[in-house]
Amino acid sequence: MTKRTRQHVRPPEDWQPPSGYCECGCGGKTPIAKQTSRKRDQYKNYPLRYLRGHNMLGKKREQANSWQGGKKVNRLGYSLVFLPEHHLADGAGYVYEHRLIWEQNNGRELRPGEHVHHIDGNPRNNSPDNLVALSRTAHYKTHGDSITTSRRKSEGQKRRWSRPEEHRKQSEAIRKAWADGRRS
């Protein structure tokens, strides 16, 4: 069996080699490329175009390669939308999508202390029929937490929501209360 050797890839004929200084404008001297990467437009034994991390300087949001169109999902499964001018926007300019949908559907802004609850417990299901605004205390009661003890609960107590029949009963109670016009 013969061992495959990697051939040296030469730059294209019309390729202009970098000057050896960072092209972001900082003027820093760039190192020599140790390997070829056509995707990055770098060739072995030639200077790199940018210092590490400088290729994205000044590129934000739409110009960045990693831009997802202003939508992302956080680690808890909630969808966020980039709207930096919205009154509910966090420091990075993102708003929870379920809060935004609830406001648009109900024609008013959420009051301070109001939480938007997903009736079916699925944070990705942002259909208007699945969202209800509750006071902070009512929302904690819905999930079986008190405001002061929610951080101290054991994992076993938190897992009780993993039982679908219990969650279904609680969701039906919320739907019935809203149908009757009782709001907490």
N, C-alpha and C. Protein backbone atom coordinates (compact mmCIF):
# COMPACT_ATOMS: atom_id res chain seq x y z
N MET A 1 0.85 -1.18 0.00
CA MET A 1 0.00 0.00 0.00
C MET A 1 0.89 1.24 0.00
N THR A 2 0.61 2.13 -0.89
CA THR A 2 1.43 3.34 -0.99
C THR A 2 0.85 4.44 -0.11
N LYS A 3 1.73 5.23 0.43
CA LYS A 3 1.32 6.32 1.28
C LYS A 3 1.01 7.54 0.41
N ARG A 4 -0.18 8.14 0.66
CA ARG A 4 -0.55 9.32 -0.13
C ARG A 4 0.16 10.54 0.42
N THR A 5 0.74 11.29 -0.45
CA THR A 5 1.38 12.54 -0.03
C THR A 5 0.54 13.70 -0.52
N ARG A 6 0.56 14.73 0.26
CA ARG A 6 -0.22 15.92 -0.08
C ARG A 6 0.59 16.79 -1.03
N GLN A 7 -0.01 17.14 -2.14
CA GLN A 7 0.68 17.99 -3.10
C GLN A 7 0.57 19.44 -2.68
N HIS A 8 1.59 20.19 -2.96
CA HIS A 8 1.58 21.62 -2.66
C HIS A 8 0.64 22.32 -3.64
N VAL A 9 -0.34 23.03 -3.12
CA VAL A 9 -1.29 23.74 -3.97
C VAL A 9 -0.75 25.13 -4.24
N ARG A 10 -0.63 25.46 -5.49
CA ARG A 10 -0.11 26.77 -5.87
C ARG A 10 -1.26 27.75 -6.03
N PRO A 11 -0.97 29.00 -5.76
CA PRO A 11 -2.01 30.02 -5.96
C PRO A 11 -2.34 30.17 -7.45
N PRO A 12 -3.55 30.63 -7.75
CA PRO A 12 -3.91 30.87 -9.16
C PRO A 12 -3.01 31.93 -9.78
N GLU A 13 -2.94 31.92 -11.10
CA GLU A 13 -2.06 32.85 -11.82
C GLU A 13 -2.42 34.32 -11.55
N ASP A 14 -3.73 34.62 -11.47
CA ASP A 14 -4.15 36.01 -11.29
C ASP A 14 -4.21 36.44 -9.81
N TRP A 15 -3.75 35.58 -8.91
CA TRP A 15 -3.82 35.86 -7.47
C TRP A 15 -2.77 36.88 -7.06
N GLN A 16 -3.20 37.86 -6.28
CA GLN A 16 -2.28 38.87 -5.77
C GLN A 16 -1.85 38.49 -4.36
N PRO A 17 -0.57 38.26 -4.12
CA PRO A 17 -0.14 37.90 -2.77
C PRO A 17 -0.34 39.07 -1.81
N PRO A 18 -0.69 38.76 -0.56
CA PRO A 18 -0.87 39.82 0.44
C PRO A 18 0.44 40.56 0.71
N SER A 19 0.29 41.77 1.21
CA SER A 19 1.46 42.62 1.45
C SER A 19 2.28 42.20 2.66
N GLY A 20 1.67 41.41 3.55
CA GLY A 20 2.35 41.05 4.79
C GLY A 20 1.87 41.89 5.96
N TYR A 21 0.95 42.81 5.67
CA TYR A 21 0.35 43.65 6.72
C TYR A 21 -1.16 43.41 6.75
N CYS A 22 -1.73 43.47 7.92
CA CYS A 22 -3.16 43.19 8.10
C CYS A 22 -4.00 44.11 7.22
N GLU A 23 -4.96 43.53 6.50
CA GLU A 23 -5.79 44.29 5.58
C GLU A 23 -7.00 44.95 6.24
N CYS A 24 -7.12 44.81 7.57
CA CYS A 24 -8.24 45.48 8.26
C CYS A 24 -7.93 46.96 8.44
N GLY A 25 -6.65 47.33 8.29
CA GLY A 25 -6.28 48.72 8.45
C GLY A 25 -5.48 49.00 9.71
N CYS A 26 -5.28 47.99 10.54
CA CYS A 26 -4.55 48.20 11.80
C CYS A 26 -3.05 48.32 11.56
N GLY A 27 -2.57 47.79 10.44
CA GLY A 27 -1.16 47.90 10.09
C GLY A 27 -0.27 46.85 10.74
N GLY A 28 -0.85 45.86 11.41
CA GLY A 28 -0.06 44.82 12.06
C GLY A 28 0.56 43.88 11.04
N LYS A 29 1.75 43.38 11.37
CA LYS A 29 2.45 42.46 10.47
C LYS A 29 1.83 41.07 10.61
N THR A 30 1.47 40.45 9.49
CA THR A 30 0.81 39.15 9.52
C THR A 30 1.82 38.02 9.40
N PRO A 31 1.52 36.86 10.02
CA PRO A 31 2.44 35.72 9.93
C PRO A 31 2.34 35.02 8.57
N ILE A 32 3.25 34.12 8.36
CA ILE A 32 3.27 33.31 7.14
C ILE A 32 2.33 32.12 7.34
N ALA A 33 1.53 31.79 6.31
CA ALA A 33 0.60 30.67 6.38
C ALA A 33 1.36 29.36 6.43
N LYS A 34 0.96 28.49 7.35
CA LYS A 34 1.62 27.18 7.49
C LYS A 34 0.97 26.12 6.60
N GLN A 35 -0.26 26.40 6.15
CA GLN A 35 -0.94 25.47 5.26
C GLN A 35 -1.85 26.26 4.31
N THR A 36 -2.24 25.60 3.24
CA THR A 36 -3.09 26.23 2.24
C THR A 36 -4.57 26.05 2.59
N SER A 37 -5.32 27.12 2.42
CA SER A 37 -6.78 27.08 2.57
C SER A 37 -7.37 28.00 1.51
N ARG A 38 -7.87 27.39 0.42
CA ARG A 38 -8.44 28.20 -0.65
C ARG A 38 -9.65 28.98 -0.18
N LYS A 39 -10.41 28.37 0.75
CA LYS A 39 -11.60 29.02 1.29
C LYS A 39 -11.25 30.35 1.95
N ARG A 40 -10.11 30.38 2.64
CA ARG A 40 -9.67 31.61 3.32
C ARG A 40 -8.75 32.45 2.45
N ASP A 41 -8.51 32.01 1.25
CA ASP A 41 -7.62 32.71 0.32
C ASP A 41 -6.22 32.83 0.92
N GLN A 42 -5.74 31.74 1.51
CA GLN A 42 -4.37 31.73 2.05
C GLN A 42 -3.62 30.54 1.47
N TYR A 43 -2.34 30.77 1.19
CA TYR A 43 -1.51 29.74 0.59
C TYR A 43 -0.24 29.58 1.40
N LYS A 44 0.19 28.33 1.53
CA LYS A 44 1.36 27.99 2.33
C LYS A 44 2.57 28.80 1.87
N ASN A 45 3.33 29.29 2.86
CA ASN A 45 4.56 30.07 2.66
C ASN A 45 4.32 31.49 2.16
N TYR A 46 3.06 31.94 2.14
CA TYR A 46 2.76 33.33 1.81
C TYR A 46 2.17 33.99 3.07
N PRO A 47 2.29 35.31 3.19
CA PRO A 47 1.72 35.98 4.37
C PRO A 47 0.18 35.86 4.38
N LEU A 48 -0.39 35.83 5.58
CA LEU A 48 -1.85 35.84 5.73
C LEU A 48 -2.38 37.24 5.42
N ARG A 49 -3.67 37.33 5.06
CA ARG A 49 -4.27 38.63 4.77
C ARG A 49 -4.60 39.42 6.04
N TYR A 50 -4.96 38.69 7.10
CA TYR A 50 -5.39 39.33 8.35
C TYR A 50 -4.68 38.71 9.54
N LEU A 51 -4.54 39.50 10.59
CA LEU A 51 -4.16 38.95 11.88
C LEU A 51 -5.36 38.18 12.41
N ARG A 52 -5.13 37.26 13.34
CA ARG A 52 -6.21 36.43 13.86
C ARG A 52 -7.31 37.31 14.48
N GLY A 53 -8.56 37.09 14.02
CA GLY A 53 -9.71 37.82 14.53
C GLY A 53 -9.98 39.15 13.84
N HIS A 54 -9.06 39.63 13.01
CA HIS A 54 -9.23 40.94 12.38
C HIS A 54 -10.07 40.90 11.11
N ASN A 55 -10.35 39.71 10.57
CA ASN A 55 -11.13 39.62 9.33
C ASN A 55 -12.59 40.02 9.54
N MET A 56 -13.07 40.03 10.80
CA MET A 56 -14.46 40.39 11.07
C MET A 56 -14.58 41.77 11.71
N LEU A 57 -13.49 42.48 11.91
CA LEU A 57 -13.56 43.79 12.54
C LEU A 57 -14.48 44.71 11.76
N GLY A 58 -15.40 45.34 12.44
CA GLY A 58 -16.33 46.26 11.81
C GLY A 58 -17.52 45.60 11.16
N LYS A 59 -17.54 44.26 11.07
CA LYS A 59 -18.67 43.56 10.46
C LYS A 59 -19.63 43.14 11.55
N LYS A 60 -20.83 43.65 11.51
CA LYS A 60 -21.83 43.31 12.50
C LYS A 60 -23.12 42.92 11.82
N ARG A 61 -23.88 42.14 12.52
CA ARG A 61 -25.21 41.69 12.11
C ARG A 61 -25.23 41.17 10.68
N GLU A 62 -25.85 41.88 9.75
CA GLU A 62 -26.07 41.37 8.40
C GLU A 62 -24.76 41.09 7.65
N GLN A 63 -23.70 41.83 7.98
CA GLN A 63 -22.44 41.67 7.27
C GLN A 63 -21.62 40.48 7.79
N ALA A 64 -21.90 40.05 9.01
CA ALA A 64 -21.15 38.95 9.61
C ALA A 64 -21.52 37.62 8.96
N ASN A 65 -20.54 36.74 8.84
CA ASN A 65 -20.77 35.44 8.22
C ASN A 65 -21.72 34.57 9.02
N SER A 66 -21.76 34.78 10.34
CA SER A 66 -22.57 33.93 11.21
C SER A 66 -23.99 34.47 11.42
N TRP A 67 -24.38 35.53 10.73
CA TRP A 67 -25.70 36.16 10.90
C TRP A 67 -26.81 35.19 10.53
N GLN A 68 -27.78 35.01 11.41
CA GLN A 68 -28.88 34.07 11.20
C GLN A 68 -30.20 34.78 10.88
N GLY A 69 -30.14 36.00 10.41
CA GLY A 69 -31.35 36.73 10.05
C GLY A 69 -32.05 37.36 11.23
N GLY A 70 -31.35 37.52 12.34
CA GLY A 70 -31.93 38.18 13.49
C GLY A 70 -32.74 37.27 14.39
N LYS A 71 -32.67 35.97 14.18
CA LYS A 71 -33.38 35.01 15.03
C LYS A 71 -32.39 34.05 15.64
N LYS A 72 -32.65 33.71 16.90
CA LYS A 72 -31.83 32.69 17.56
C LYS A 72 -32.66 32.01 18.63
N VAL A 73 -32.17 30.89 19.11
CA VAL A 73 -32.85 30.13 20.16
C VAL A 73 -31.88 30.03 21.33
N ASN A 74 -32.35 30.39 22.54
CA ASN A 74 -31.46 30.33 23.69
C ASN A 74 -31.39 28.91 24.25
N ARG A 75 -30.59 28.69 25.28
CA ARG A 75 -30.35 27.34 25.80
C ARG A 75 -31.57 26.72 26.44
N LEU A 76 -32.59 27.54 26.78
CA LEU A 76 -33.83 27.01 27.36
C LEU A 76 -34.88 26.70 26.30
N GLY A 77 -34.56 26.99 25.03
CA GLY A 77 -35.46 26.66 23.93
C GLY A 77 -36.37 27.80 23.50
N TYR A 78 -36.19 29.00 24.07
CA TYR A 78 -37.02 30.15 23.69
C TYR A 78 -36.44 30.84 22.47
N SER A 79 -37.33 31.24 21.54
CA SER A 79 -36.90 31.95 20.34
C SER A 79 -36.77 33.43 20.66
N LEU A 80 -35.70 34.04 20.12
CA LEU A 80 -35.48 35.47 20.29
C LEU A 80 -35.37 36.12 18.92
N VAL A 81 -35.82 37.37 18.82
CA VAL A 81 -35.81 38.12 17.58
C VAL A 81 -35.02 39.40 17.80
N PHE A 82 -34.19 39.78 16.83
CA PHE A 82 -33.39 40.99 16.96
C PHE A 82 -34.22 42.22 16.61
N LEU A 83 -34.58 43.00 17.63
CA LEU A 83 -35.31 44.26 17.50
C LEU A 83 -34.75 45.23 18.54
N PRO A 84 -33.62 45.87 18.26
CA PRO A 84 -32.95 46.67 19.29
C PRO A 84 -33.75 47.87 19.79
N GLU A 85 -34.70 48.38 19.00
CA GLU A 85 -35.47 49.55 19.42
C GLU A 85 -36.71 49.18 20.24
N HIS A 86 -37.04 47.90 20.37
CA HIS A 86 -38.25 47.48 21.08
C HIS A 86 -38.06 47.69 22.59
N HIS A 87 -39.15 48.03 23.27
CA HIS A 87 -39.06 48.33 24.70
C HIS A 87 -38.71 47.11 25.55
N LEU A 88 -38.88 45.91 25.04
CA LEU A 88 -38.54 44.69 25.78
C LEU A 88 -37.16 44.13 25.40
N ALA A 89 -36.42 44.82 24.54
CA ALA A 89 -35.13 44.31 24.06
C ALA A 89 -34.12 44.25 25.20
N ASP A 90 -33.32 43.18 25.19
CA ASP A 90 -32.26 43.05 26.19
C ASP A 90 -31.06 43.89 25.73
N GLY A 91 -29.96 43.79 26.45
CA GLY A 91 -28.77 44.59 26.15
C GLY A 91 -28.20 44.33 24.77
N ALA A 92 -28.40 43.12 24.23
CA ALA A 92 -27.89 42.76 22.91
C ALA A 92 -28.90 43.09 21.81
N GLY A 93 -30.09 43.59 22.17
CA GLY A 93 -31.09 43.97 21.18
C GLY A 93 -32.10 42.89 20.83
N TYR A 94 -32.15 41.80 21.59
CA TYR A 94 -33.06 40.70 21.30
C TYR A 94 -34.29 40.73 22.20
N VAL A 95 -35.44 40.33 21.62
CA VAL A 95 -36.71 40.27 22.34
C VAL A 95 -37.21 38.83 22.26
N TYR A 96 -37.76 38.32 23.38
CA TYR A 96 -38.37 37.00 23.34
C TYR A 96 -39.56 37.03 22.39
N GLU A 97 -39.56 36.09 21.45
CA GLU A 97 -40.58 36.08 20.40
C GLU A 97 -41.99 35.90 20.97
N HIS A 98 -42.16 35.09 22.02
CA HIS A 98 -43.51 34.86 22.56
C HIS A 98 -44.07 36.14 23.18
N ARG A 99 -43.21 36.96 23.78
CA ARG A 99 -43.67 38.23 24.35
C ARG A 99 -44.09 39.20 23.23
N LEU A 100 -43.31 39.21 22.16
CA LEU A 100 -43.60 40.06 21.01
C LEU A 100 -44.92 39.66 20.34
N ILE A 101 -45.13 38.36 20.15
CA ILE A 101 -46.35 37.86 19.52
C ILE A 101 -47.56 38.17 20.39
N TRP A 102 -47.42 37.99 21.71
CA TRP A 102 -48.54 38.28 22.60
C TRP A 102 -48.92 39.76 22.50
N GLU A 103 -47.94 40.66 22.51
CA GLU A 103 -48.22 42.10 22.41
C GLU A 103 -48.91 42.43 21.09
N GLN A 104 -48.42 41.89 19.99
CA GLN A 104 -49.01 42.17 18.68
C GLN A 104 -50.43 41.65 18.60
N ASN A 105 -50.70 40.50 19.18
CA ASN A 105 -52.01 39.89 19.12
C ASN A 105 -53.04 40.58 20.01
N ASN A 106 -52.59 41.11 21.14
CA ASN A 106 -53.50 41.71 22.09
C ASN A 106 -53.55 43.23 22.01
N GLY A 107 -52.74 43.82 21.15
CA GLY A 107 -52.80 45.25 20.89
C GLY A 107 -52.36 46.14 22.03
N ARG A 108 -51.58 45.64 22.94
CA ARG A 108 -51.05 46.46 24.03
C ARG A 108 -49.69 45.93 24.46
N GLU A 109 -48.94 46.79 25.16
CA GLU A 109 -47.65 46.37 25.69
C GLU A 109 -47.85 45.61 26.99
N LEU A 110 -46.94 44.71 27.28
CA LEU A 110 -46.98 43.99 28.55
C LEU A 110 -46.69 44.96 29.68
N ARG A 111 -47.40 44.79 30.76
CA ARG A 111 -47.18 45.65 31.94
C ARG A 111 -45.97 45.11 32.71
N PRO A 112 -45.33 45.98 33.50
CA PRO A 112 -44.22 45.48 34.32
C PRO A 112 -44.72 44.38 35.26
N GLY A 113 -44.00 43.29 35.35
CA GLY A 113 -44.38 42.18 36.20
C GLY A 113 -45.26 41.16 35.52
N GLU A 114 -45.70 41.40 34.29
CA GLU A 114 -46.50 40.42 33.55
C GLU A 114 -45.59 39.43 32.85
N HIS A 115 -45.92 38.17 32.92
CA HIS A 115 -45.19 37.11 32.24
C HIS A 115 -46.10 36.51 31.18
N VAL A 116 -45.52 36.06 30.07
CA VAL A 116 -46.29 35.36 29.04
C VAL A 116 -46.03 33.87 29.22
N HIS A 117 -47.11 33.12 29.42
CA HIS A 117 -47.03 31.68 29.70
C HIS A 117 -47.41 30.88 28.46
N HIS A 118 -46.63 29.83 28.17
CA HIS A 118 -46.96 28.88 27.11
C HIS A 118 -47.89 27.84 27.71
N ILE A 119 -49.13 27.80 27.28
CA ILE A 119 -50.13 26.92 27.88
C ILE A 119 -49.72 25.45 27.77
N ASP A 120 -49.17 25.05 26.61
CA ASP A 120 -48.80 23.64 26.45
C ASP A 120 -47.40 23.33 27.01
N GLY A 121 -46.70 24.33 27.53
CA GLY A 121 -45.39 24.11 28.13
C GLY A 121 -44.25 24.03 27.14
N ASN A 122 -44.52 24.19 25.85
CA ASN A 122 -43.50 24.11 24.81
C ASN A 122 -43.03 25.52 24.47
N PRO A 123 -41.79 25.89 24.82
CA PRO A 123 -41.32 27.26 24.56
C PRO A 123 -41.14 27.59 23.08
N ARG A 124 -41.18 26.60 22.20
CA ARG A 124 -41.05 26.87 20.76
C ARG A 124 -42.41 27.07 20.09
N ASN A 125 -43.51 26.72 20.80
CA ASN A 125 -44.86 26.88 20.24
C ASN A 125 -45.36 28.28 20.58
N ASN A 126 -45.12 29.23 19.68
CA ASN A 126 -45.50 30.62 19.92
C ASN A 126 -46.78 31.01 19.20
N SER A 127 -47.68 30.06 18.99
CA SER A 127 -48.94 30.39 18.35
C SER A 127 -49.76 31.23 19.34
N PRO A 128 -50.47 32.25 18.86
CA PRO A 128 -51.22 33.14 19.75
C PRO A 128 -52.20 32.41 20.67
N ASP A 129 -52.78 31.29 20.22
CA ASP A 129 -53.72 30.53 21.05
C ASP A 129 -53.03 29.85 22.23
N ASN A 130 -51.72 29.71 22.15
CA ASN A 130 -50.96 29.01 23.18
C ASN A 130 -50.35 29.97 24.21
N LEU A 131 -50.53 31.27 24.02
CA LEU A 131 -49.90 32.26 24.89
C LEU A 131 -50.93 32.97 25.75
N VAL A 132 -50.60 33.16 27.02
CA VAL A 132 -51.48 33.87 27.94
C VAL A 132 -50.60 34.70 28.87
N ALA A 133 -51.04 35.95 29.16
CA ALA A 133 -50.30 36.81 30.07
C ALA A 133 -50.81 36.58 31.49
N LEU A 134 -49.87 36.40 32.40
CA LEU A 134 -50.19 36.18 33.80
C LEU A 134 -49.35 37.11 34.67
N SER A 135 -49.86 37.41 35.86
CA SER A 135 -49.03 38.14 36.80
C SER A 135 -47.87 37.24 37.22
N ARG A 136 -46.86 37.84 37.78
CA ARG A 136 -45.68 37.06 38.17
C ARG A 136 -46.04 35.95 39.16
N THR A 137 -46.83 36.28 40.17
CA THR A 137 -47.19 35.27 41.17
C THR A 137 -48.06 34.17 40.57
N ALA A 138 -49.01 34.55 39.71
CA ALA A 138 -49.86 33.54 39.07
C ALA A 138 -49.03 32.61 38.19
N HIS A 139 -48.03 33.17 37.52
CA HIS A 139 -47.18 32.37 36.66
C HIS A 139 -46.37 31.38 37.49
N TYR A 140 -45.83 31.83 38.62
CA TYR A 140 -45.09 30.91 39.49
C TYR A 140 -46.01 29.82 40.05
N LYS A 141 -47.24 30.20 40.42
CA LYS A 141 -48.19 29.20 40.93
C LYS A 141 -48.51 28.17 39.86
N THR A 142 -48.64 28.62 38.61
CA THR A 142 -48.93 27.72 37.49
C THR A 142 -47.86 26.64 37.38
N HIS A 143 -46.62 27.03 37.61
CA HIS A 143 -45.52 26.08 37.52
C HIS A 143 -45.21 25.40 38.85
N GLY A 144 -45.99 25.72 39.88
CA GLY A 144 -45.79 25.08 41.17
C GLY A 144 -44.63 25.65 41.95
N ASP A 145 -44.20 26.85 41.62
CA ASP A 145 -43.09 27.49 42.32
C ASP A 145 -43.61 28.70 43.08
N SER A 146 -42.94 29.06 44.14
CA SER A 146 -43.16 30.37 44.74
C SER A 146 -41.98 31.22 44.31
N ILE A 147 -42.14 32.51 44.34
CA ILE A 147 -41.08 33.40 43.88
C ILE A 147 -39.81 33.19 44.69
N THR A 148 -39.96 33.01 45.99
CA THR A 148 -38.78 32.91 46.84
C THR A 148 -38.13 31.54 46.83
N THR A 149 -38.89 30.47 46.56
CA THR A 149 -38.31 29.12 46.65
C THR A 149 -37.97 28.50 45.30
N SER A 150 -38.24 29.19 44.21
CA SER A 150 -38.01 28.56 42.90
C SER A 150 -36.55 28.18 42.69
N ARG A 151 -35.62 28.92 43.28
CA ARG A 151 -34.20 28.60 43.10
C ARG A 151 -33.75 27.45 44.01
N ARG A 152 -34.51 27.19 45.09
CA ARG A 152 -34.08 26.18 46.06
C ARG A 152 -34.69 24.81 45.82
N LYS A 153 -35.53 24.66 44.82
CA LYS A 153 -36.20 23.37 44.61
C LYS A 153 -35.23 22.31 44.16
N SER A 154 -35.52 21.08 44.58
CA SER A 154 -34.67 19.96 44.18
C SER A 154 -34.99 19.56 42.74
N GLU A 155 -34.10 18.80 42.16
CA GLU A 155 -34.32 18.32 40.79
C GLU A 155 -35.57 17.46 40.70
N GLY A 156 -35.85 16.66 41.74
CA GLY A 156 -37.04 15.81 41.75
C GLY A 156 -38.31 16.63 41.70
N GLN A 157 -38.33 17.74 42.43
CA GLN A 157 -39.50 18.60 42.42
C GLN A 157 -39.65 19.29 41.07
N LYS A 158 -38.53 19.66 40.46
CA LYS A 158 -38.60 20.32 39.16
C LYS A 158 -39.06 19.34 38.07
N ARG A 159 -38.75 18.04 38.26
CA ARG A 159 -39.10 17.04 37.27
C ARG A 159 -40.59 16.73 37.23
N ARG A 160 -41.34 17.19 38.21
CA ARG A 160 -42.76 16.82 38.24
C ARG A 160 -43.49 17.31 37.00
N TRP A 161 -42.96 18.35 36.33
CA TRP A 161 -43.58 18.83 35.09
C TRP A 161 -43.31 17.89 33.93
N SER A 162 -42.45 16.92 34.15
CA SER A 162 -42.20 15.97 33.07
C SER A 162 -43.34 14.96 32.96
N ARG A 163 -44.27 14.96 33.95
CA ARG A 163 -45.43 14.08 33.87
C ARG A 163 -46.51 14.76 33.04
N PRO A 164 -46.80 14.27 31.85
CA PRO A 164 -47.72 14.95 30.93
C PRO A 164 -49.14 15.10 31.47
N GLU A 165 -49.64 14.13 32.22
CA GLU A 165 -51.03 14.23 32.70
C GLU A 165 -51.19 15.41 33.67
N GLU A 166 -50.17 15.65 34.48
CA GLU A 166 -50.23 16.77 35.42
C GLU A 166 -50.18 18.10 34.67
N HIS A 167 -49.32 18.15 33.68
CA HIS A 167 -49.19 19.37 32.88
C HIS A 167 -50.47 19.65 32.10
N ARG A 168 -51.09 18.58 31.56
CA ARG A 168 -52.32 18.73 30.81
C ARG A 168 -53.43 19.29 31.70
N LYS A 169 -53.55 18.75 32.94
CA LYS A 169 -54.56 19.23 33.89
C LYS A 169 -54.39 20.72 34.18
N GLN A 170 -53.14 21.11 34.41
CA GLN A 170 -52.85 22.52 34.72
C GLN A 170 -53.19 23.41 33.53
N SER A 171 -52.84 22.98 32.32
CA SER A 171 -53.13 23.75 31.12
C SER A 171 -54.64 23.89 30.90
N GLU A 172 -55.39 22.82 31.15
CA GLU A 172 -56.85 22.88 31.02
C GLU A 172 -57.45 23.86 32.02
N ALA A 173 -56.91 23.88 33.24
CA ALA A 173 -57.39 24.82 34.26
C ALA A 173 -57.15 26.26 33.83
N ILE A 174 -56.00 26.53 33.22
CA ILE A 174 -55.70 27.89 32.73
C ILE A 174 -56.66 28.26 31.61
N ARG A 175 -56.85 27.35 30.65
CA ARG A 175 -57.77 27.63 29.53
C ARG A 175 -59.18 27.91 30.04
N LYS A 176 -59.64 27.11 31.02
CA LYS A 176 -61.00 27.28 31.58
C LYS A 176 -61.11 28.63 32.28
N ALA A 177 -60.08 28.99 33.05
CA ALA A 177 -60.11 30.27 33.76
C ALA A 177 -60.17 31.43 32.78
N TRP A 178 -59.44 31.33 31.67
CA TRP A 178 -59.47 32.40 30.68
C TRP A 178 -60.79 32.43 29.92
N ALA A 179 -61.36 31.28 29.70
CA ALA A 179 -62.66 31.24 29.01
C ALA A 179 -63.75 31.87 29.89
N ASP A 180 -63.65 31.67 31.20
CA ASP A 180 -64.63 32.24 32.13
C ASP A 180 -64.39 33.72 32.39
N GLY A 181 -63.26 34.25 31.92
CA GLY A 181 -62.97 35.66 32.11
C GLY A 181 -62.23 35.97 33.40
N ARG A 182 -61.80 34.95 34.14
CA ARG A 182 -61.02 35.20 35.36
C ARG A 182 -59.57 35.32 34.97
N ARG A 183 -58.98 36.42 35.36
CA ARG A 183 -57.56 36.63 35.06
C ARG A 183 -56.83 36.91 36.34
N SER A 184 -55.65 36.33 36.47
CA SER A 184 -54.85 36.54 37.68
C SER A 184 -53.90 37.67 37.46
